[in-house]
Amino acid sequence: MKLEFTDMCFGCGKKNECGLMLNISFSSGKARSEVIFKEVHQGWRGIVHGGVISAAIDEVMAYAIGSISRSVGVTAELTVRFKKPVKVGEEYELAAEVIEFNRRKAVVKGWIKKGNVTHAEGKGIYVLLKEVNI
């Protein structure tokens, strides 16, 4: 199997107008980005849909894996805990850190914050793929 990245990725693709278009910095098992969610990302009026929040956390966690390996991790399990509403049109910080890594899988934690307040936090288990065109 060979994977190629696309500009239409919901998380980081720059041509996906409904996507998050995240600019993610990553190194040493960590990743971070800023995000301002748009109206197309809402569930209840003015509140970001939980699935979109989960996708954002998942994306930054995947980049944390990429910072320590040329492998890509595909999500095998994702748990997200929603603590406070995330609002459309406001800036938030996304961040993630690899907490376990071996040649077959990675365990990563991630979160979305505004200032010192955590709005959602997640934990993911990722299966590492061998053949990737990065």
C-alpha atoms as a PDB file:
ATOM      1  CA  MET A   1       0.000   0.000   0.000  1.00  0.00           C
ATOM      2  CA  LYS A   2       1.238   3.471  -0.859  1.00  0.00           C
ATOM      3  CA  LEU A   3      -0.440   6.598   0.490  1.00  0.00           C
ATOM      4  CA  GLU A   4      -0.177  10.056  -0.985  1.00  0.00           C
ATOM      5  CA  PHE A   5      -1.272  13.195   0.787  1.00  0.00           C
ATOM      6  CA  THR A   6      -3.856  15.438  -0.806  1.00  0.00           C
ATOM      7  CA  ASP A   7      -4.764  19.100  -0.699  1.00  0.00           C
ATOM      8  CA  MET A   8      -8.358  17.964  -0.100  1.00  0.00           C
ATOM      9  CA  CYS A   9      -7.658  16.539   3.375  1.00  0.00           C
ATOM     10  CA  PHE A  10     -10.367  17.787   5.745  1.00  0.00           C
ATOM     11  CA  GLY A  11      -7.804  18.621   8.440  1.00  0.00           C
ATOM     12  CA  CYS A  12      -4.818  20.085   6.618  1.00  0.00           C
ATOM     13  CA  GLY A  13      -5.776  20.334   2.943  1.00  0.00           C
ATOM     14  CA  LYS A  14      -5.475  23.843   1.542  1.00  0.00           C
ATOM     15  CA  LYS A  15      -8.008  23.300  -1.280  1.00  0.00           C
ATOM     16  CA  ASN A  16     -10.846  21.930   0.872  1.00  0.00           C
ATOM     17  CA  GLU A  17     -13.044  24.985   1.402  1.00  0.00           C
ATOM     18  CA  CYS A  18     -15.117  23.209   4.075  1.00  0.00           C
ATOM     19  CA  GLY A  19     -12.025  21.824   5.797  1.00  0.00           C
ATOM     20  CA  LEU A  20      -9.983  23.183   8.675  1.00  0.00           C
ATOM     21  CA  MET A  21      -6.919  24.138   6.577  1.00  0.00           C
ATOM     22  CA  LEU A  22      -4.669  23.649   9.603  1.00  0.00           C
ATOM     23  CA  ASN A  23      -1.055  24.827   9.524  1.00  0.00           C
ATOM     24  CA  ILE A  24       0.524  22.356  11.915  1.00  0.00           C
ATOM     25  CA  SER A  25       4.028  22.657  13.342  1.00  0.00           C
ATOM     26  CA  PHE A  26       5.528  19.432  14.662  1.00  0.00           C
ATOM     27  CA  SER A  27       8.766  18.084  16.142  1.00  0.00           C
ATOM     28  CA  SER A  28      10.028  15.715  18.830  1.00  0.00           C
ATOM     29  CA  GLY A  29       6.735  13.871  19.293  1.00  0.00           C
ATOM     30  CA  LYS A  30       4.650  17.032  19.620  1.00  0.00           C
ATOM     31  CA  ALA A  31       2.433  19.042  17.299  1.00  0.00           C
ATOM     32  CA  ARG A  32       0.455  22.275  17.548  1.00  0.00           C
ATOM     33  CA  SER A  33      -1.716  24.565  15.497  1.00  0.00           C
ATOM     34  CA  GLU A  34      -4.149  27.419  15.850  1.00  0.00           C
ATOM     35  CA  VAL A  35      -7.665  27.111  14.490  1.00  0.00           C
ATOM     36  CA  ILE A  36     -10.666  29.354  13.978  1.00  0.00           C
ATOM     37  CA  PHE A  37     -13.700  27.231  13.174  1.00  0.00           C
ATOM     38  CA  LYS A  38     -16.137  28.512  10.529  1.00  0.00           C
ATOM     39  CA  GLU A  39     -19.938  28.480  10.406  1.00  0.00           C
ATOM     40  CA  VAL A  40     -19.824  25.357   8.209  1.00  0.00           C
ATOM     41  CA  HIS A  41     -18.289  23.555  11.223  1.00  0.00           C
ATOM     42  CA  GLN A  42     -21.156  24.206  13.632  1.00  0.00           C
ATOM     43  CA  GLY A  43     -23.728  21.877  15.114  1.00  0.00           C
ATOM     44  CA  TRP A  44     -25.875  24.034  17.385  1.00  0.00           C
ATOM     45  CA  ARG A  45     -25.854  27.698  16.367  1.00  0.00           C
ATOM     46  CA  GLY A  46     -22.439  29.176  17.110  1.00  0.00           C
ATOM     47  CA  ILE A  47     -21.082  25.953  18.648  1.00  0.00           C
ATOM     48  CA  VAL A  48     -18.621  23.716  16.772  1.00  0.00           C
ATOM     49  CA  HIS A  49     -19.907  20.198  16.034  1.00  0.00           C
ATOM     50  CA  GLY A  50     -18.301  17.532  18.218  1.00  0.00           C
ATOM     51  CA  GLY A  51     -17.294  15.475  15.187  1.00  0.00           C
ATOM     52  CA  VAL A  52     -15.362  18.427  13.775  1.00  0.00           C
ATOM     53  CA  ILE A  53     -13.616  18.960  17.117  1.00  0.00           C
ATOM     54  CA  SER A  54     -12.719  15.256  17.143  1.00  0.00           C
ATOM     55  CA  ALA A  55     -11.356  15.503  13.587  1.00  0.00           C
ATOM     56  CA  ALA A  56      -9.203  18.510  14.531  1.00  0.00           C
ATOM     57  CA  ILE A  57      -7.718  16.726  17.546  1.00  0.00           C
ATOM     58  CA  ASP A  58      -7.192  13.559  15.462  1.00  0.00           C
ATOM     59  CA  GLU A  59      -5.342  15.534  12.776  1.00  0.00           C
ATOM     60  CA  VAL A  60      -2.906  17.201  15.168  1.00  0.00           C
ATOM     61  CA  MET A  61      -2.279  13.862  16.921  1.00  0.00           C
ATOM     62  CA  ALA A  62      -1.390  12.266  13.576  1.00  0.00           C
ATOM     63  CA  TYR A  63       1.145  15.021  12.927  1.00  0.00           C
ATOM     64  CA  ALA A  64       2.735  14.386  16.333  1.00  0.00           C
ATOM     65  CA  ILE A  65       3.402  10.817  15.173  1.00  0.00           C
ATOM     66  CA  GLY A  66       4.884  12.097  11.921  1.00  0.00           C
ATOM     67  CA  SER A  67       7.334  14.206  13.891  1.00  0.00           C
ATOM     68  CA  ILE A  68       9.146  11.108  15.167  1.00  0.00           C
ATOM     69  CA  SER A  69       8.657   8.709  12.262  1.00  0.00           C
ATOM     70  CA  ARG A  70       8.423   8.629   8.478  1.00  0.00           C
ATOM     71  CA  SER A  71       5.446   6.353   9.081  1.00  0.00           C
ATOM     72  CA  VAL A  72       1.882   7.573   9.122  1.00  0.00           C
ATOM     73  CA  GLY A  73      -0.554   6.441  11.755  1.00  0.00           C
ATOM     74  CA  VAL A  74      -4.150   5.638  10.863  1.00  0.00           C
ATOM     75  CA  THR A  75      -6.653   5.977  13.668  1.00  0.00           C
ATOM     76  CA  ALA A  76      -7.573   2.664  15.277  1.00  0.00           C
ATOM     77  CA  GLU A  77      -9.293   4.152  18.329  1.00  0.00           C
ATOM     78  CA  LEU A  78     -10.196   7.704  19.296  1.00  0.00           C
ATOM     79  CA  THR A  79     -11.692   8.893  22.554  1.00  0.00           C
ATOM     80  CA  VAL A  80     -12.632  12.545  23.023  1.00  0.00           C
ATOM     81  CA  ARG A  81     -13.893  14.179  26.187  1.00  0.00           C
ATOM     82  CA  PHE A  82     -15.773  17.437  25.665  1.00  0.00           C
ATOM     83  CA  LYS A  83     -15.365  19.789  28.612  1.00  0.00           C
ATOM     84  CA  LYS A  84     -16.553  23.201  27.391  1.00  0.00           C
ATOM     85  CA  PRO A  85     -18.230  24.392  24.196  1.00  0.00           C
ATOM     86  CA  VAL A  86     -15.970  25.450  21.342  1.00  0.00           C
ATOM     87  CA  LYS A  87     -17.333  28.519  19.573  1.00  0.00           C
ATOM     88  CA  VAL A  88     -17.369  29.370  15.889  1.00  0.00           C
ATOM     89  CA  GLY A  89     -15.206  32.366  14.945  1.00  0.00           C
ATOM     90  CA  GLU A  90     -12.892  32.273  17.974  1.00  0.00           C
ATOM     91  CA  GLU A  91      -9.240  31.235  17.957  1.00  0.00           C
ATOM     92  CA  TYR A  92      -8.179  28.053  19.757  1.00  0.00           C
ATOM     93  CA  GLU A  93      -4.913  26.175  20.174  1.00  0.00           C
ATOM     94  CA  LEU A  94      -4.687  22.526  19.131  1.00  0.00           C
ATOM     95  CA  ALA A  95      -1.825  20.451  20.529  1.00  0.00           C
ATOM     96  CA  ALA A  96      -0.774  16.822  20.820  1.00  0.00           C
ATOM     97  CA  GLU A  97       1.980  14.673  22.273  1.00  0.00           C
ATOM     98  CA  VAL A  98       3.015  11.073  21.600  1.00  0.00           C
ATOM     99  CA  ILE A  99       2.989   9.124  24.865  1.00  0.00           C
ATOM    100  CA  GLU A 100       3.840   5.646  23.524  1.00  0.00           C
ATOM    101  CA  PHE A 101       5.517   4.625  20.278  1.00  0.00           C
ATOM    102  CA  ASN A 102       6.821   1.396  18.778  1.00  0.00           C
ATOM    103  CA  ARG A 103       7.203   0.042  15.259  1.00  0.00           C
ATOM    104  CA  ARG A 104       3.523  -1.013  15.016  1.00  0.00           C
ATOM    105  CA  LYS A 105       1.497   1.533  16.963  1.00  0.00           C
ATOM    106  CA  ALA A 106       1.466   4.885  18.692  1.00  0.00           C
ATOM    107  CA  VAL A 107      -0.608   6.253  21.547  1.00  0.00           C
ATOM    108  CA  VAL A 108      -1.127  10.001  21.484  1.00  0.00           C
ATOM    109  CA  LYS A 109      -2.973  12.541  23.592  1.00  0.00           C
ATOM    110  CA  GLY A 110      -4.304  15.798  22.223  1.00  0.00           C
ATOM    111  CA  TRP A 111      -6.377  18.767  23.282  1.00  0.00           C
ATOM    112  CA  ILE A 112      -7.988  22.013  22.248  1.00  0.00           C
ATOM    113  CA  LYS A 113      -7.549  25.048  24.500  1.00  0.00           C
ATOM    114  CA  LYS A 114      -8.333  28.723  24.660  1.00  0.00           C
ATOM    115  CA  GLY A 115      -5.825  30.353  26.970  1.00  0.00           C
ATOM    116  CA  ASN A 116      -5.405  28.045  29.949  1.00  0.00           C
ATOM    117  CA  VAL A 117      -8.868  26.501  29.585  1.00  0.00           C
ATOM    118  CA  THR A 118      -9.135  23.027  28.038  1.00  0.00           C
ATOM    119  CA  HIS A 119     -12.295  22.694  25.946  1.00  0.00           C
ATOM    120  CA  ALA A 120     -11.766  19.107  24.744  1.00  0.00           C
ATOM    121  CA  GLU A 121      -9.132  16.443  25.186  1.00  0.00           C
ATOM    122  CA  GLY A 122      -8.526  13.223  23.334  1.00  0.00           C
ATOM    123  CA  LYS A 123      -6.506  10.060  23.286  1.00  0.00           C
ATOM    124  CA  GLY A 124      -5.854   7.987  20.198  1.00  0.00           C
ATOM    125  CA  ILE A 125      -4.312   4.689  19.258  1.00  0.00           C
ATOM    126  CA  TYR A 126      -2.792   4.678  15.777  1.00  0.00           C
ATOM    127  CA  VAL A 127      -1.620   1.756  13.657  1.00  0.00           C
ATOM    128  CA  LEU A 128       1.559   2.690  11.791  1.00  0.00           C
ATOM    129  CA  LEU A 129       1.706   2.132   8.031  1.00  0.00           C
ATOM    130  CA  LYS A 130       4.984   1.284   6.350  1.00  0.00           C
ATOM    131  CA  GLU A 131       4.797   2.665   2.826  1.00  0.00           C
ATOM    132  CA  VAL A 132       4.036   6.350   2.705  1.00  0.00           C
ATOM    133  CA  ASN A 133       4.849   8.996   0.145  1.00  0.00           C
ATOM    134  CA  ILE A 134       5.494  12.073   2.308  1.00  0.00           C
END
